PDB file of N, CA and C in Angstrom:
ATOM      1  N   MET A   1     148.872  57.455  -8.940  1.00  0.00           N
ATOM      2  CA  MET A   1     149.970  58.149  -9.555  1.00  0.00           C
ATOM      3  C   MET A   1     149.653  59.627  -9.759  1.00  0.00           C
ATOM      4  N   LEU A   2     148.415  59.964 -10.036  1.00  0.00           N
ATOM      5  CA  LEU A   2     148.057  61.362 -10.278  1.00  0.00           C
ATOM      6  C   LEU A   2     147.548  62.078  -9.038  1.00  0.00           C
ATOM      7  N   VAL A   3     147.559  61.427  -7.908  1.00  0.00           N
ATOM      8  CA  VAL A   3     147.092  62.071  -6.675  1.00  0.00           C
ATOM      9  C   VAL A   3     147.850  63.364  -6.395  1.00  0.00           C
ATOM     10  N   PRO A   4     149.181  63.427  -6.581  1.00  0.00           N
ATOM     11  CA  PRO A   4     149.863  64.715  -6.369  1.00  0.00           C
ATOM     12  C   PRO A   4     149.333  65.816  -7.287  1.00  0.00           C
ATOM     13  N   VAL A   5     148.992  65.474  -8.529  1.00  0.00           N
ATOM     14  CA  VAL A   5     148.418  66.468  -9.442  1.00  0.00           C
ATOM     15  C   VAL A   5     147.099  66.977  -8.890  1.00  0.00           C
ATOM     16  N   GLU A   6     146.269  66.074  -8.375  1.00  0.00           N
ATOM     17  CA  GLU A   6     144.976  66.479  -7.820  1.00  0.00           C
ATOM     18  C   GLU A   6     145.166  67.372  -6.596  1.00  0.00           C
ATOM     19  N   ILE A   7     146.169  67.091  -5.797  1.00  0.00           N
ATOM     20  CA  ILE A   7     146.439  67.928  -4.620  1.00  0.00           C
ATOM     21  C   ILE A   7     146.822  69.330  -5.066  1.00  0.00           C
ATOM     22  N   PHE A   8     147.721  69.436  -6.060  1.00  0.00           N
ATOM     23  CA  PHE A   8     148.089  70.760  -6.572  1.00  0.00           C
ATOM     24  C   PHE A   8     146.883  71.456  -7.197  1.00  0.00           C
ATOM     25  N   ASP A   9     146.050  70.712  -7.923  1.00  0.00           N
ATOM     26  CA  ASP A   9     144.841  71.297  -8.507  1.00  0.00           C
ATOM     27  C   ASP A   9     143.925  71.853  -7.429  1.00  0.00           C
ATOM     28  N   GLY A  10     143.886  71.198  -6.285  1.00  0.00           N
ATOM     29  CA  GLY A  10     143.040  71.658  -5.187  1.00  0.00           C
ATOM     30  C   GLY A  10     143.437  73.017  -4.655  1.00  0.00           C
ATOM     31  N   PHE A  11     144.701  73.375  -4.821  1.00  0.00           N
ATOM     32  CA  PHE A  11     145.181  74.681  -4.371  1.00  0.00           C
ATOM     33  C   PHE A  11     145.162  75.719  -5.491  1.00  0.00           C
ATOM     34  N   SER A  12     144.695  75.346  -6.668  1.00  0.00           N
ATOM     35  CA  SER A  12     144.680  76.245  -7.820  1.00  0.00           C
ATOM     36  C   SER A  12     143.309  76.883  -7.988  1.00  0.00           C
ATOM     37  N   ASP A  13     143.295  78.186  -8.249  1.00  0.00           N
ATOM     38  CA  ASP A  13     142.030  78.870  -8.519  1.00  0.00           C
ATOM     39  C   ASP A  13     141.443  78.434  -9.858  1.00  0.00           C
ATOM     40  N   ALA A  14     142.303  78.053 -10.797  1.00  0.00           N
ATOM     41  CA  ALA A  14     141.848  77.709 -12.143  1.00  0.00           C
ATOM     42  C   ALA A  14     141.297  76.287 -12.248  1.00  0.00           C
ATOM     43  N   TYR A  15     141.730  75.384 -11.382  1.00  0.00           N
ATOM     44  CA  TYR A  15     141.320  73.995 -11.524  1.00  0.00           C
ATOM     45  C   TYR A  15     140.442  73.531 -10.372  1.00  0.00           C
ATOM     46  N   GLY A  16     141.045  73.130  -9.292  1.00  0.00           N
ATOM     47  CA  GLY A  16     140.300  72.549  -8.181  1.00  0.00           C
ATOM     48  C   GLY A  16     140.303  71.035  -8.275  1.00  0.00           C
ATOM     49  N   ALA A  17     140.247  70.376  -7.145  1.00  0.00           N
ATOM     50  CA  ALA A  17     140.195  68.915  -7.094  1.00  0.00           C
ATOM     51  C   ALA A  17     138.793  68.510  -6.673  1.00  0.00           C
ATOM     52  N   SER A  18     138.406  67.315  -7.061  1.00  0.00           N
ATOM     53  CA  SER A  18     137.075  66.837  -6.707  1.00  0.00           C
ATOM     54  C   SER A  18     137.154  65.376  -6.284  1.00  0.00           C
ATOM     55  N   ALA A  19     136.094  64.923  -5.659  1.00  0.00           N
ATOM     56  CA  ALA A  19     136.021  63.513  -5.271  1.00  0.00           C
ATOM     57  C   ALA A  19     136.072  62.634  -6.513  1.00  0.00           C
ATOM     58  N   GLY A  20     135.436  63.073  -7.597  1.00  0.00           N
ATOM     59  CA  GLY A  20     135.464  62.313  -8.846  1.00  0.00           C
ATOM     60  C   GLY A  20     136.870  62.133  -9.383  1.00  0.00           C
ATOM     61  N   ASP A  21     137.701  63.179  -9.251  1.00  0.00           N
ATOM     62  CA  ASP A  21     139.098  63.085  -9.680  1.00  0.00           C
ATOM     63  C   ASP A  21     139.837  62.014  -8.884  1.00  0.00           C
ATOM     64  N   LEU A  22     139.648  62.013  -7.583  1.00  0.00           N
ATOM     65  CA  LEU A  22     140.342  61.039  -6.735  1.00  0.00           C
ATOM     66  C   LEU A  22     139.841  59.619  -6.984  1.00  0.00           C
ATOM     67  N   ILE A  23     138.547  59.478  -7.254  1.00  0.00           N
ATOM     68  CA  ILE A  23     137.995  58.157  -7.583  1.00  0.00           C
ATOM     69  C   ILE A  23     138.600  57.651  -8.888  1.00  0.00           C
ATOM     70  N   ALA A  24     138.696  58.539  -9.879  1.00  0.00           N
ATOM     71  CA  ALA A  24     139.298  58.153 -11.157  1.00  0.00           C
ATOM     72  C   ALA A  24     140.758  57.751 -10.970  1.00  0.00           C
ATOM     73  N   ASP A  25     141.471  58.462 -10.090  1.00  0.00           N
ATOM     74  CA  ASP A  25     142.870  58.118  -9.818  1.00  0.00           C
ATOM     75  C   ASP A  25     142.994  56.734  -9.179  1.00  0.00           C
ATOM     76  N   ALA A  26     142.015  56.343  -8.396  1.00  0.00           N
ATOM     77  CA  ALA A  26     142.052  55.036  -7.736  1.00  0.00           C
ATOM     78  C   ALA A  26     141.603  53.911  -8.668  1.00  0.00           C
ATOM     79  N   ALA A  27     140.907  54.243  -9.751  1.00  0.00           N
ATOM     80  CA  ALA A  27     140.358  53.221 -10.640  1.00  0.00           C
ATOM     81  C   ALA A  27     141.450  52.357 -11.271  1.00  0.00           C
ATOM     82  N   GLY A  28     142.567  52.957 -11.660  1.00  0.00           N
ATOM     83  CA  GLY A  28     143.646  52.191 -12.297  1.00  0.00           C
ATOM     84  C   GLY A  28     144.220  51.116 -11.398  1.00  0.00           C
ATOM     85  N   PRO A  29     144.673  51.489 -10.203  1.00  0.00           N
ATOM     86  CA  PRO A  29     145.188  50.451  -9.302  1.00  0.00           C
ATOM     87  C   PRO A  29     144.133  49.400  -8.944  1.00  0.00           C
ATOM     88  N   LEU A  30     142.890  49.823  -8.775  1.00  0.00           N
ATOM     89  CA  LEU A  30     141.831  48.863  -8.456  1.00  0.00           C
ATOM     90  C   LEU A  30     141.566  47.919  -9.625  1.00  0.00           C
ATOM     91  N   LEU A  31     141.640  48.437 -10.855  1.00  0.00           N
ATOM     92  CA  LEU A  31     141.480  47.579 -12.030  1.00  0.00           C
ATOM     93  C   LEU A  31     142.574  46.512 -12.058  1.00  0.00           C
ATOM     94  N   TYR A  32     143.793  46.912 -11.789  1.00  0.00           N
ATOM     95  CA  TYR A  32     144.918  45.965 -11.766  1.00  0.00           C
ATOM     96  C   TYR A  32     144.735  44.926 -10.655  1.00  0.00           C
ATOM     97  N   LEU A  33     144.500  45.387  -9.442  1.00  0.00           N
ATOM     98  CA  LEU A  33     144.373  44.462  -8.308  1.00  0.00           C
ATOM     99  C   LEU A  33     143.188  43.523  -8.478  1.00  0.00           C
ATOM    100  N   GLY A  34     142.077  44.032  -8.996  1.00  0.00           N
ATOM    101  CA  GLY A  34     140.901  43.196  -9.224  1.00  0.00           C
ATOM    102  C   GLY A  34     141.172  42.084 -10.223  1.00  0.00           C
ATOM    103  N   GLN A  35     141.889  42.410 -11.287  1.00  0.00           N
ATOM    104  CA  GLN A  35     142.214  41.400 -12.295  1.00  0.00           C
ATOM    105  C   GLN A  35     143.172  40.347 -11.747  1.00  0.00           C
ATOM    106  N   LYS A  36     144.163  40.802 -10.999  1.00  0.00           N
ATOM    107  CA  LYS A  36     145.104  39.845 -10.408  1.00  0.00           C
ATOM    108  C   LYS A  36     144.380  38.914  -9.435  1.00  0.00           C
ATOM    109  N   ALA A  37     143.429  39.439  -8.699  1.00  0.00           N
ATOM    110  CA  ALA A  37     142.676  38.615  -7.752  1.00  0.00           C
ATOM    111  C   ALA A  37     141.740  37.649  -8.477  1.00  0.00           C
ATOM    112  N   LEU A  38     141.108  38.107  -9.553  1.00  0.00           N
ATOM    113  CA  LEU A  38     140.116  37.300 -10.260  1.00  0.00           C
ATOM    114  C   LEU A  38     140.748  36.282 -11.207  1.00  0.00           C
ATOM    115  N   TRP A  39     141.740  36.722 -12.004  1.00  0.00           N
ATOM    116  CA  TRP A  39     142.298  35.866 -13.045  1.00  0.00           C
ATOM    117  C   TRP A  39     143.776  35.533 -12.847  1.00  0.00           C
ATOM    118  N   GLN A  40     144.426  36.101 -11.861  1.00  0.00           N
ATOM    119  CA  GLN A  40     145.861  35.939 -11.639  1.00  0.00           C
ATOM    120  C   GLN A  40     146.694  36.485 -12.809  1.00  0.00           C
ATOM    121  N   GLU A  41     146.113  37.341 -13.616  1.00  0.00           N
ATOM    122  CA  GLU A  41     146.803  37.994 -14.726  1.00  0.00           C
ATOM    123  C   GLU A  41     146.014  39.238 -15.140  1.00  0.00           C
ATOM    124  N   VAL A  42     146.642  40.080 -15.936  1.00  0.00           N
ATOM    125  CA  VAL A  42     145.989  41.294 -16.425  1.00  0.00           C
ATOM    126  C   VAL A  42     145.449  41.027 -17.824  1.00  0.00           C
ATOM    127  N   ARG A  43     144.146  41.215 -18.001  1.00  0.00           N
ATOM    128  CA  ARG A  43     143.494  40.990 -19.289  1.00  0.00           C
ATOM    129  C   ARG A  43     142.927  42.274 -19.890  1.00  0.00           C
ATOM    130  N   ILE A  44     142.744  43.272 -19.075  1.00  0.00           N
ATOM    131  CA  ILE A  44     142.185  44.550 -19.523  1.00  0.00           C
ATOM    132  C   ILE A  44     143.213  45.629 -19.212  1.00  0.00           C
ATOM    133  N   HIS A  45     143.628  46.354 -20.237  1.00  0.00           N
ATOM    134  CA  HIS A  45     144.712  47.321 -20.102  1.00  0.00           C
ATOM    135  C   HIS A  45     144.208  48.747 -20.321  1.00  0.00           C
ATOM    136  N   PRO A  46     144.395  49.635 -19.352  1.00  0.00           N
ATOM    137  CA  PRO A  46     144.100  51.044 -19.608  1.00  0.00           C
ATOM    138  C   PRO A  46     145.213  51.627 -20.480  1.00  0.00           C
ATOM    139  N   LYS A  47     144.819  52.440 -21.453  1.00  0.00           N
ATOM    140  CA  LYS A  47     145.797  53.071 -22.343  1.00  0.00           C
ATOM    141  C   LYS A  47     145.432  54.535 -22.524  1.00  0.00           C
ATOM    142  N   PHE A  48     146.390  55.291 -23.041  1.00  0.00           N
ATOM    143  CA  PHE A  48     146.236  56.732 -23.191  1.00  0.00           C
ATOM    144  C   PHE A  48     146.825  57.149 -24.527  1.00  0.00           C
ATOM    145  N   SER A  49     146.143  58.047 -25.218  1.00  0.00           N
ATOM    146  CA  SER A  49     146.727  58.638 -26.424  1.00  0.00           C
ATOM    147  C   SER A  49     146.469  60.140 -26.401  1.00  0.00           C
ATOM    148  N   PHE A  50     147.286  60.859 -27.170  1.00  0.00           N
ATOM    149  CA  PHE A  50     147.163  62.318 -27.221  1.00  0.00           C
ATOM    150  C   PHE A  50     147.447  62.811 -28.628  1.00  0.00           C
ATOM    151  N   HIS A  51     146.713  63.826 -29.034  1.00  0.00           N
ATOM    152  CA  HIS A  51     147.008  64.554 -30.264  1.00  0.00           C
ATOM    153  C   HIS A  51     146.847  66.046 -29.982  1.00  0.00           C
ATOM    154  N   GLN A  52     147.666  66.853 -30.635  1.00  0.00           N
ATOM    155  CA  GLN A  52     147.560  68.298 -30.431  1.00  0.00           C
ATOM    156  C   GLN A  52     146.266  68.810 -31.057  1.00  0.00           C
ATOM    157  N   THR A  53     145.689  69.837 -30.424  1.00  0.00           N
ATOM    158  CA  THR A  53     144.420  70.389 -30.887  1.00  0.00           C
ATOM    159  C   THR A  53     144.550  71.877 -31.189  1.00  0.00           C
ATOM    160  N   ARG A  54     143.500  72.431 -31.751  1.00  0.00           N
ATOM    161  CA  ARG A  54     143.462  73.865 -32.046  1.00  0.00           C
ATOM    162  C   ARG A  54     143.120  74.690 -30.815  1.00  0.00           C
ATOM    163  N   TYR A  55     142.783  74.051 -29.713  1.00  0.00           N
ATOM    164  CA  TYR A  55     142.321  74.774 -28.527  1.00  0.00           C
ATOM    165  C   TYR A  55     143.447  75.325 -27.657  1.00  0.00           C
ATOM    166  N   ALA A  56     144.572  74.642 -27.584  1.00  0.00           N
ATOM    167  CA  ALA A  56     145.667  75.097 -26.716  1.00  0.00           C
ATOM    168  C   ALA A  56     146.131  76.513 -27.057  1.00  0.00           C
ATOM    169  N   PRO A  57     146.281  76.880 -28.343  1.00  0.00           N
ATOM    170  CA  PRO A  57     146.678  78.264 -28.632  1.00  0.00           C
ATOM    171  C   PRO A  57     145.644  79.303 -28.185  1.00  0.00           C
ATOM    172  N   MET A  58     144.390  78.888 -28.042  1.00  0.00           N
ATOM    173  CA  MET A  58     143.345  79.818 -27.586  1.00  0.00           C
ATOM    174  C   MET A  58     143.494  80.153 -26.103  1.00  0.00           C
ATOM    175  N   ARG A  59     143.945  79.186 -25.311  1.00  0.00           N
ATOM    176  CA  ARG A  59     144.093  79.352 -23.862  1.00  0.00           C
ATOM    177  C   ARG A  59     145.394  78.702 -23.401  1.00  0.00           C
ATOM    178  N   PRO A  60     146.563  79.210 -23.843  1.00  0.00           N
ATOM    179  CA  PRO A  60     147.826  78.553 -23.485  1.00  0.00           C
ATOM    180  C   PRO A  60     148.095  78.526 -21.990  1.00  0.00           C
ATOM    181  N   ASP A  61     147.578  79.505 -21.251  1.00  0.00           N
ATOM    182  CA  ASP A  61     147.771  79.513 -19.798  1.00  0.00           C
ATOM    183  C   ASP A  61     147.054  78.345 -19.137  1.00  0.00           C
ATOM    184  N   LEU A  62     145.932  77.943 -19.700  1.00  0.00           N
ATOM    185  CA  LEU A  62     145.119  76.881 -19.114  1.00  0.00           C
ATOM    186  C   LEU A  62     145.371  75.521 -19.767  1.00  0.00           C
ATOM    187  N   LEU A  63     145.619  75.519 -21.083  1.00  0.00           N
ATOM    188  CA  LEU A  63     145.723  74.262 -21.832  1.00  0.00           C
ATOM    189  C   LEU A  63     147.147  73.906 -22.245  1.00  0.00           C
ATOM    190  N   GLY A  64     148.108  74.740 -21.898  1.00  0.00           N
ATOM    191  CA  GLY A  64     149.506  74.447 -22.185  1.00  0.00           C
ATOM    192  C   GLY A  64     150.067  75.281 -23.319  1.00  0.00           C
ATOM    193  N   ASP A  65     151.365  75.574 -23.222  1.00  0.00           N
ATOM    194  CA  ASP A  65     152.017  76.391 -24.240  1.00  0.00           C
ATOM    195  C   ASP A  65     153.158  75.657 -24.944  1.00  0.00           C
ATOM    196  N   ASN A  66     153.305  74.365 -24.682  1.00  0.00           N
ATOM    197  CA  ASN A  66     154.258  73.520 -25.405  1.00  0.00           C
ATOM    198  C   ASN A  66     153.734  72.091 -25.351  1.00  0.00           C
ATOM    199  N   LEU A  67     154.351  71.218 -26.117  1.00  0.00           N
ATOM    200  CA  LEU A  67     153.835  69.849 -26.240  1.00  0.00           C
ATOM    201  C   LEU A  67     153.712  69.146 -24.893  1.00  0.00           C
ATOM    202  N   THR A  68     154.728  69.264 -24.060  1.00  0.00           N
ATOM    203  CA  THR A  68     154.694  68.574 -22.765  1.00  0.00           C
ATOM    204  C   THR A  68     153.535  69.059 -21.909  1.00  0.00           C
ATOM    205  N   SER A  69     153.351  70.361 -21.815  1.00  0.00           N
ATOM    206  CA  SER A  69     152.259  70.874 -20.980  1.00  0.00           C
ATOM    207  C   SER A  69     150.900  70.598 -21.616  1.00  0.00           C
ATOM    208  N   GLU A  70     150.826  70.572 -22.947  1.00  0.00           N
ATOM    209  CA  GLU A  70     149.559  70.253 -23.605  1.00  0.00           C
ATOM    210  C   GLU A  70     149.140  68.812 -23.325  1.00  0.00           C
ATOM    211  N   VAL A  71     150.100  67.898 -23.334  1.00  0.00           N
ATOM    212  CA  VAL A  71     149.777  66.494 -23.044  1.00  0.00           C
ATOM    213  C   VAL A  71     149.118  66.379 -21.673  1.00  0.00           C
ATOM    214  N   LEU A  72     149.598  67.153 -20.711  1.00  0.00           N
ATOM    215  CA  LEU A  72     149.062  67.093 -19.350  1.00  0.00           C
ATOM    216  C   LEU A  72     147.789  67.908 -19.166  1.00  0.00           C
ATOM    217  N   LYS A  73     147.673  69.051 -19.847  1.00  0.00           N
ATOM    218  CA  LYS A  73     146.600  69.996 -19.548  1.00  0.00           C
ATOM    219  C   LYS A  73     145.462  70.040 -20.567  1.00  0.00           C
ATOM    220  N   ASP A  74     145.739  69.747 -21.832  1.00  0.00           N
ATOM    221  CA  ASP A  74     144.710  69.895 -22.867  1.00  0.00           C
ATOM    222  C   ASP A  74     143.897  68.614 -22.980  1.00  0.00           C
ATOM    223  N   TYR A  75     142.808  68.549 -22.240  1.00  0.00           N
ATOM    224  CA  TYR A  75     141.953  67.365 -22.243  1.00  0.00           C
ATOM    225  C   TYR A  75     141.320  67.116 -23.609  1.00  0.00           C
ATOM    226  N   ASN A  76     141.245  68.152 -24.454  1.00  0.00           N
ATOM    227  CA  ASN A  76     140.666  68.000 -25.787  1.00  0.00           C
ATOM    228  C   ASN A  76     141.443  67.003 -26.643  1.00  0.00           C
ATOM    229  N   GLY A  77     142.733  66.879 -26.406  1.00  0.00           N
ATOM    230  CA  GLY A  77     143.560  65.978 -27.193  1.00  0.00           C
ATOM    231  C   GLY A  77     143.798  64.630 -26.546  1.00  0.00           C
ATOM    232  N   GLN A  78     143.227  64.417 -25.379  1.00  0.00           N
ATOM    233  CA  GLN A  78     143.448  63.166 -24.653  1.00  0.00           C
ATOM    234  C   GLN A  78     142.339  62.159 -24.946  1.00  0.00           C
ATOM    235  N   THR A  79     142.731  60.917 -25.125  1.00  0.00           N
ATOM    236  CA  THR A  79     141.771  59.826 -25.233  1.00  0.00           C
ATOM    237  C   THR A  79     142.214  58.732 -24.269  1.00  0.00           C
ATOM    238  N   TYR A  80     141.278  58.224 -23.513  1.00  0.00           N
ATOM    239  CA  TYR A  80     141.529  57.148 -22.551  1.00  0.00           C
ATOM    240  C   TYR A  80     140.875  55.886 -23.087  1.00  0.00           C
ATOM    241  N   TRP A  81     141.630  54.807 -23.081  1.00  0.00           N
ATOM    242  CA  TRP A  81     141.200  53.554 -23.685  1.00  0.00           C
ATOM    243  C   TRP A  81     141.210  52.416 -22.676  1.00  0.00           C
ATOM    244  N   LEU A  82     140.357  51.430 -22.908  1.00  0.00           N
ATOM    245  CA  LEU A  82     140.454  50.124 -22.262  1.00  0.00           C
ATOM    246  C   LEU A  82     140.611  49.107 -23.378  1.00  0.00           C
ATOM    247  N   SER A  83     141.704  48.380 -23.351  1.00  0.00           N
ATOM    248  CA  SER A  83     142.017  47.381 -24.361  1.00  0.00           C
ATOM    249  C   SER A  83     141.905  45.999 -23.722  1.00  0.00           C
ATOM    250  N   VAL A  84     141.167  45.123 -24.373  1.00  0.00           N
ATOM    251  CA  VAL A  84     140.889  43.796 -23.814  1.00  0.00           C
ATOM    252  C   VAL A  84     141.653  42.726 -24.591  1.00  0.00           C
ATOM    253  N   ASP A  85     142.360  41.865 -23.865  1.00  0.00           N
ATOM    254  CA  ASP A  85     142.998  40.688 -24.461  1.00  0.00           C
ATOM    255  C   ASP A  85     141.905  39.640 -24.681  1.00  0.00           C
ATOM    256  N   VAL A  86     141.251  39.719 -25.830  1.00  0.00           N
ATOM    257  CA  VAL A  86     140.102  38.855 -26.100  1.00  0.00           C
ATOM    258  C   VAL A  86     140.500  37.385 -26.056  1.00  0.00           C
ATOM    259  N   ASP A  87     141.731  37.080 -26.484  1.00  0.00           N
ATOM    260  CA  ASP A  87     142.174  35.682 -26.512  1.00  0.00           C
ATOM    261  C   ASP A  87     142.230  35.046 -25.128  1.00  0.00           C
ATOM    262  N   LYS A  88     142.201  35.858 -24.077  1.00  0.00           N
ATOM    263  CA  LYS A  88     142.201  35.317 -22.710  1.00  0.00           C
ATOM    264  C   LYS A  88     140.796  34.859 -22.295  1.00  0.00           C
ATOM    265  N   PHE A  89     139.784  35.274 -23.084  1.00  0.00           N
ATOM    266  CA  PHE A  89     138.398  34.921 -22.773  1.00  0.00           C
ATOM    267  C   PHE A  89     137.834  33.881 -23.742  1.00  0.00           C
ATOM    268  N   ILE A  90     138.172  34.024 -25.027  1.00  0.00           N
ATOM    269  CA  ILE A  90     137.676  33.109 -26.059  1.00  0.00           C
ATOM    270  C   ILE A  90     138.807  32.833 -27.049  1.00  0.00           C
ATOM    271  N   GLN A  91     138.596  31.846 -27.913  1.00  0.00           N
ATOM    272  CA  GLN A  91     139.595  31.573 -28.944  1.00  0.00           C
ATOM    273  C   GLN A  91     139.579  32.732 -29.938  1.00  0.00           C
ATOM    274  N   PHE A  92     140.717  33.417 -30.038  1.00  0.00           N
ATOM    275  CA  PHE A  92     140.800  34.650 -30.817  1.00  0.00           C
ATOM    276  C   PHE A  92     142.274  34.891 -31.116  1.00  0.00           C
ATOM    277  N   PRO A  93     142.615  35.520 -32.225  1.00  0.00           N
ATOM    278  CA  PRO A  93     144.036  35.791 -32.493  1.00  0.00           C
ATOM    279  C   PRO A  93     144.677  36.596 -31.360  1.00  0.00           C
ATOM    280  N   ARG A  94     145.811  36.121 -30.889  1.00  0.00           N
ATOM    281  CA  ARG A  94     146.483  36.748 -29.742  1.00  0.00           C
ATOM    282  C   ARG A  94     146.891  38.185 -30.036  1.00  0.00           C
ATOM    283  N   TRP A  95     147.227  38.478 -31.265  1.00  0.00           N
ATOM    284  CA  TRP A  95     147.728  39.797 -31.645  1.00  0.00           C
ATOM    285  C   TRP A  95     146.614  40.828 -31.823  1.00  0.00           C
ATOM    286  N   LEU A  96     145.353  40.410 -31.773  1.00  0.00           N
ATOM    287  CA  LEU A  96     144.237  41.324 -32.020  1.00  0.00           C
ATOM    288  C   LEU A  96     143.459  41.577 -30.729  1.00  0.00           C
ATOM    289  N   ASN A  97     143.446  42.805 -30.283  1.00  0.00           N
ATOM    290  CA  ASN A  97     142.691  43.200 -29.094  1.00  0.00           C
ATOM    291  C   ASN A  97     141.512  44.075 -29.503  1.00  0.00           C
ATOM    292  N   ILE A  98     140.551  44.168 -28.638  1.00  0.00           N
ATOM    293  CA  ILE A  98     139.419  45.074 -28.827  1.00  0.00           C
ATOM    294  C   ILE A  98     139.583  46.209 -27.819  1.00  0.00           C
ATOM    295  N   ALA A  99     139.388  47.440 -28.281  1.00  0.00           N
ATOM    296  CA  ALA A  99     139.541  48.594 -27.389  1.00  0.00           C
ATOM    297  C   ALA A  99     138.364  49.543 -27.553  1.00  0.00           C
ATOM    298  N   VAL A 100     137.999  50.168 -26.462  1.00  0.00           N
ATOM    299  CA  VAL A 100     137.026  51.261 -26.487  1.00  0.00           C
ATOM    300  C   VAL A 100     137.702  52.468 -25.851  1.00  0.00           C
ATOM    301  N   GLY A 101     137.409  53.635 -26.406  1.00  0.00           N
ATOM    302  CA  GLY A 101     138.050  54.843 -25.907  1.00  0.00           C
ATOM    303  C   GLY A 101     137.054  55.952 -25.674  1.00  0.00           C
ATOM    304  N   TYR A 102     137.493  56.932 -24.897  1.00  0.00           N
ATOM    305  CA  TYR A 102     136.656  58.083 -24.583  1.00  0.00           C
ATOM    306  C   TYR A 102     137.511  59.340 -24.619  1.00  0.00           C
ATOM    307  N   GLY A 103     137.021  60.351 -25.293  1.00  0.00           N
ATOM    308  CA  GLY A 103     137.689  61.645 -25.343  1.00  0.00           C
ATOM    309  C   GLY A 103     136.644  62.745 -25.312  1.00  0.00           C
ATOM    310  N   ALA A 104     137.101  63.973 -25.244  1.00  0.00           N
ATOM    311  CA  ALA A 104     136.192  65.119 -25.203  1.00  0.00           C
ATOM    312  C   ALA A 104     136.747  66.223 -26.092  1.00  0.00           C
ATOM    313  N   GLU A 105     135.896  67.179 -26.420  1.00  0.00           N
ATOM    314  CA  GLU A 105     136.322  68.287 -27.253  1.00  0.00           C
ATOM    315  C   GLU A 105     135.597  69.564 -26.826  1.00  0.00           C
ATOM    316  N   GLU A 106     136.166  70.685 -27.216  1.00  0.00           N
ATOM    317  CA  GLU A 106     135.641  72.017 -26.907  1.00  0.00           C
ATOM    318  C   GLU A 106     135.664  72.322 -25.411  1.00  0.00           C
ATOM    319  N   MET A 107     136.634  71.761 -24.710  1.00  0.00           N
ATOM    320  CA  MET A 107     136.819  72.058 -23.286  1.00  0.00           C
ATOM    321  C   MET A 107     137.897  73.133 -23.178  1.00  0.00           C
ATOM    322  N   ILE A 108     137.491  74.399 -23.201  1.00  0.00           N
ATOM    323  CA  ILE A 108     138.474  75.482 -23.188  1.00  0.00           C
ATOM    324  C   ILE A 108     138.406  76.327 -21.925  1.00  0.00           C
ATOM    325  N   THR A 109     137.570  75.931 -20.983  1.00  0.00           N
ATOM    326  CA  THR A 109     137.526  76.604 -19.683  1.00  0.00           C
ATOM    327  C   THR A 109     137.793  75.590 -18.589  1.00  0.00           C
ATOM    328  N   ALA A 110     138.141  76.076 -17.414  1.00  0.00           N
ATOM    329  CA  ALA A 110     138.451  75.170 -16.299  1.00  0.00           C
ATOM    330  C   ALA A 110     137.204  74.495 -15.790  1.00  0.00           C
TER     331      ALA A 110
END
């Protein structure tokens, strides 16, 4: 889904595309297909959250100058999660999942 973004980044002096970016873009579909092949259902869900940070006003050209562009450009406010349906593996309340997330901070340069 983000491959077009990576292509545009490749033509940008400020960003650039990398093999790591393309591998990360392929990870989502591969996670889905792998689960469907292994369990015939999805048990691990990638999720995304965002919060506004103090960094975007420092570099609005690079990190965004409004909420929509900040969600896409300000990596400082992004967190990527993997949420596991534990009840699909062991006896566990269906409504309670376990999640691990990863985010970064102080990324104000390209």
